[in-house]
Each structure stands twice: as structure tokens, then as C-alpha cells.
């Protein structure tokens, strides 16, 4: 038997571990969960006091991409 300590970085990796556990190929000995991260800030609030030029450019880009998203 080999013992590994893993830090699961992506959520789907945990599903893979659970599948292996169901096959009795692995055994989860210690399970730790990461604390929830703080919510990320929306793009609109990142730049404090944006210039009018930047705001008009952002509106232009938003209009171009609005129908594509």
C-alpha cells in the first residue's frame, strides 16, 4: 500500500477520487476541506474613478460583444 497526501485543486478531481473509492482502489483516510474564498469583485468596480474616455470605450466594447455572449 502507498499513502499519498493530495491537495485537490479542482472540484472534479474529488469526483475522480470518489469513483476510485467506490471501486475500492483507494481509501480516503483524512478529508480536509478548503475554507470558502471571498467572492471576487466584479469588473465594474475594480477601477476607482474611471475616466469618461474609459467608460465610453467599455460601453462600446460591451455593445459589440453583447450579442455574441
C-alpha atoms as a PDB file:
ATOM      1  CA  UNK A   1       0.000   0.000   0.000  1.00  0.00           C
ATOM      2  CA  UNK A   2       1.197   3.516  -0.826  1.00  0.00           C
ATOM      3  CA  UNK A   3      -0.013   6.500   1.189  1.00  0.00           C
ATOM      4  CA  UNK A   4      -0.397   9.833  -0.587  1.00  0.00           C
ATOM      5  CA  UNK A   5      -1.452  13.214   0.684  1.00  0.00           C
ATOM      6  CA  UNK A   6      -3.228  15.187  -2.035  1.00  0.00           C
ATOM      7  CA  UNK A   7      -4.293  18.785  -2.269  1.00  0.00           C
ATOM      8  CA  UNK A   8      -7.243  18.732  -4.656  1.00  0.00           C
ATOM      9  CA  UNK A   9      -7.230  21.963  -6.638  1.00  0.00           C
ATOM     10  CA  UNK A  10     -10.119  21.370  -8.993  1.00  0.00           C
ATOM     11  CA  UNK A  11     -13.572  20.298  -7.967  1.00  0.00           C
ATOM     12  CA  UNK A  12     -13.880  17.468 -10.493  1.00  0.00           C
ATOM     13  CA  UNK A  13     -10.757  15.821  -9.076  1.00  0.00           C
ATOM     14  CA  UNK A  14     -12.732  14.994  -5.941  1.00  0.00           C
ATOM     15  CA  UNK A  15     -15.269  13.155  -8.114  1.00  0.00           C
ATOM     16  CA  UNK A  16     -12.430  11.056  -9.538  1.00  0.00           C
ATOM     17  CA  UNK A  17     -11.227  10.188  -6.027  1.00  0.00           C
ATOM     18  CA  UNK A  18     -14.786   9.220  -5.023  1.00  0.00           C
ATOM     19  CA  UNK A  19     -15.058   6.959  -8.098  1.00  0.00           C
ATOM     20  CA  UNK A  20     -11.793   5.221  -7.224  1.00  0.00           C
ATOM     21  CA  UNK A  21     -13.015   4.841  -3.666  1.00  0.00           C
ATOM     22  CA  UNK A  22     -16.185   3.108  -4.899  1.00  0.00           C
ATOM     23  CA  UNK A  23     -14.011   0.682  -6.880  1.00  0.00           C
ATOM     24  CA  UNK A  24     -12.107   0.025  -3.646  1.00  0.00           C
ATOM     25  CA  UNK A  25      -8.954   1.164  -5.436  1.00  0.00           C
ATOM     26  CA  UNK A  26      -8.297   3.917  -2.887  1.00  0.00           C
ATOM     27  CA  UNK A  27      -9.249   4.667   0.693  1.00  0.00           C
ATOM     28  CA  UNK A  28      -9.761   8.207   1.934  1.00  0.00           C
ATOM     29  CA  UNK A  29      -8.147   8.390   5.360  1.00  0.00           C
ATOM     30  CA  UNK A  30      -8.304  12.106   6.178  1.00  0.00           C
ATOM     31  CA  UNK A  31     -10.545  14.512   4.365  1.00  0.00           C
ATOM     32  CA  UNK A  32      -9.977  18.240   4.739  1.00  0.00           C
ATOM     33  CA  UNK A  33     -11.969  20.922   3.033  1.00  0.00           C
ATOM     34  CA  UNK A  34     -10.663  24.284   1.987  1.00  0.00           C
ATOM     35  CA  UNK A  35     -12.303  27.310   3.587  1.00  0.00           C
ATOM     36  CA  UNK A  36     -14.559  29.228   1.200  1.00  0.00           C
ATOM     37  CA  UNK A  37     -12.811  32.025  -0.633  1.00  0.00           C
ATOM     38  CA  UNK A  38     -14.016  35.596  -0.619  1.00  0.00           C
ATOM     39  CA  UNK A  39     -16.245  36.487  -3.572  1.00  0.00           C
ATOM     40  CA  UNK A  40     -14.402  38.088  -6.438  1.00  0.00           C
ATOM     41  CA  UNK A  41     -15.074  41.688  -7.298  1.00  0.00           C
ATOM     42  CA  UNK A  42     -16.983  42.473 -10.479  1.00  0.00           C
ATOM     43  CA  UNK A  43     -15.094  44.218 -13.264  1.00  0.00           C
ATOM     44  CA  UNK A  44     -17.209  47.316 -12.970  1.00  0.00           C
ATOM     45  CA  UNK A  45     -15.929  48.125  -9.508  1.00  0.00           C
ATOM     46  CA  UNK A  46     -12.240  47.361  -9.956  1.00  0.00           C
ATOM     47  CA  UNK A  47     -11.160  50.750 -11.315  1.00  0.00           C
ATOM     48  CA  UNK A  48     -11.933  53.549  -8.906  1.00  0.00           C
ATOM     49  CA  UNK A  49     -12.889  56.841 -10.560  1.00  0.00           C
ATOM     50  CA  UNK A  50     -12.571  55.724 -14.217  1.00  0.00           C
ATOM     51  CA  UNK A  51     -12.225  58.437 -16.836  1.00  0.00           C
ATOM     52  CA  UNK A  52     -15.065  59.245 -19.225  1.00  0.00           C
ATOM     53  CA  UNK A  53     -12.884  58.009 -22.096  1.00  0.00           C
ATOM     54  CA  UNK A  54     -12.502  54.616 -20.421  1.00  0.00           C
ATOM     55  CA  UNK A  55     -16.228  54.391 -19.662  1.00  0.00           C
ATOM     56  CA  UNK A  56     -17.198  55.189 -23.247  1.00  0.00           C
ATOM     57  CA  UNK A  57     -14.695  52.642 -24.560  1.00  0.00           C
ATOM     58  CA  UNK A  58     -16.062  49.997 -22.187  1.00  0.00           C
ATOM     59  CA  UNK A  59     -19.614  50.737 -23.346  1.00  0.00           C
ATOM     60  CA  UNK A  60     -18.510  50.423 -26.980  1.00  0.00           C
ATOM     61  CA  UNK A  61     -16.878  47.053 -26.326  1.00  0.00           C
ATOM     62  CA  UNK A  62     -19.898  45.853 -24.330  1.00  0.00           C
ATOM     63  CA  UNK A  63     -22.246  46.774 -27.208  1.00  0.00           C
ATOM     64  CA  UNK A  64     -20.064  44.881 -29.710  1.00  0.00           C
ATOM     65  CA  UNK A  65     -19.935  41.723 -27.571  1.00  0.00           C
ATOM     66  CA  UNK A  66     -23.438  41.764 -26.107  1.00  0.00           C
ATOM     67  CA  UNK A  67     -24.998  39.760 -28.946  1.00  0.00           C
ATOM     68  CA  UNK A  68     -22.068  37.289 -29.033  1.00  0.00           C
ATOM     69  CA  UNK A  69     -22.305  36.188 -25.407  1.00  0.00           C
END
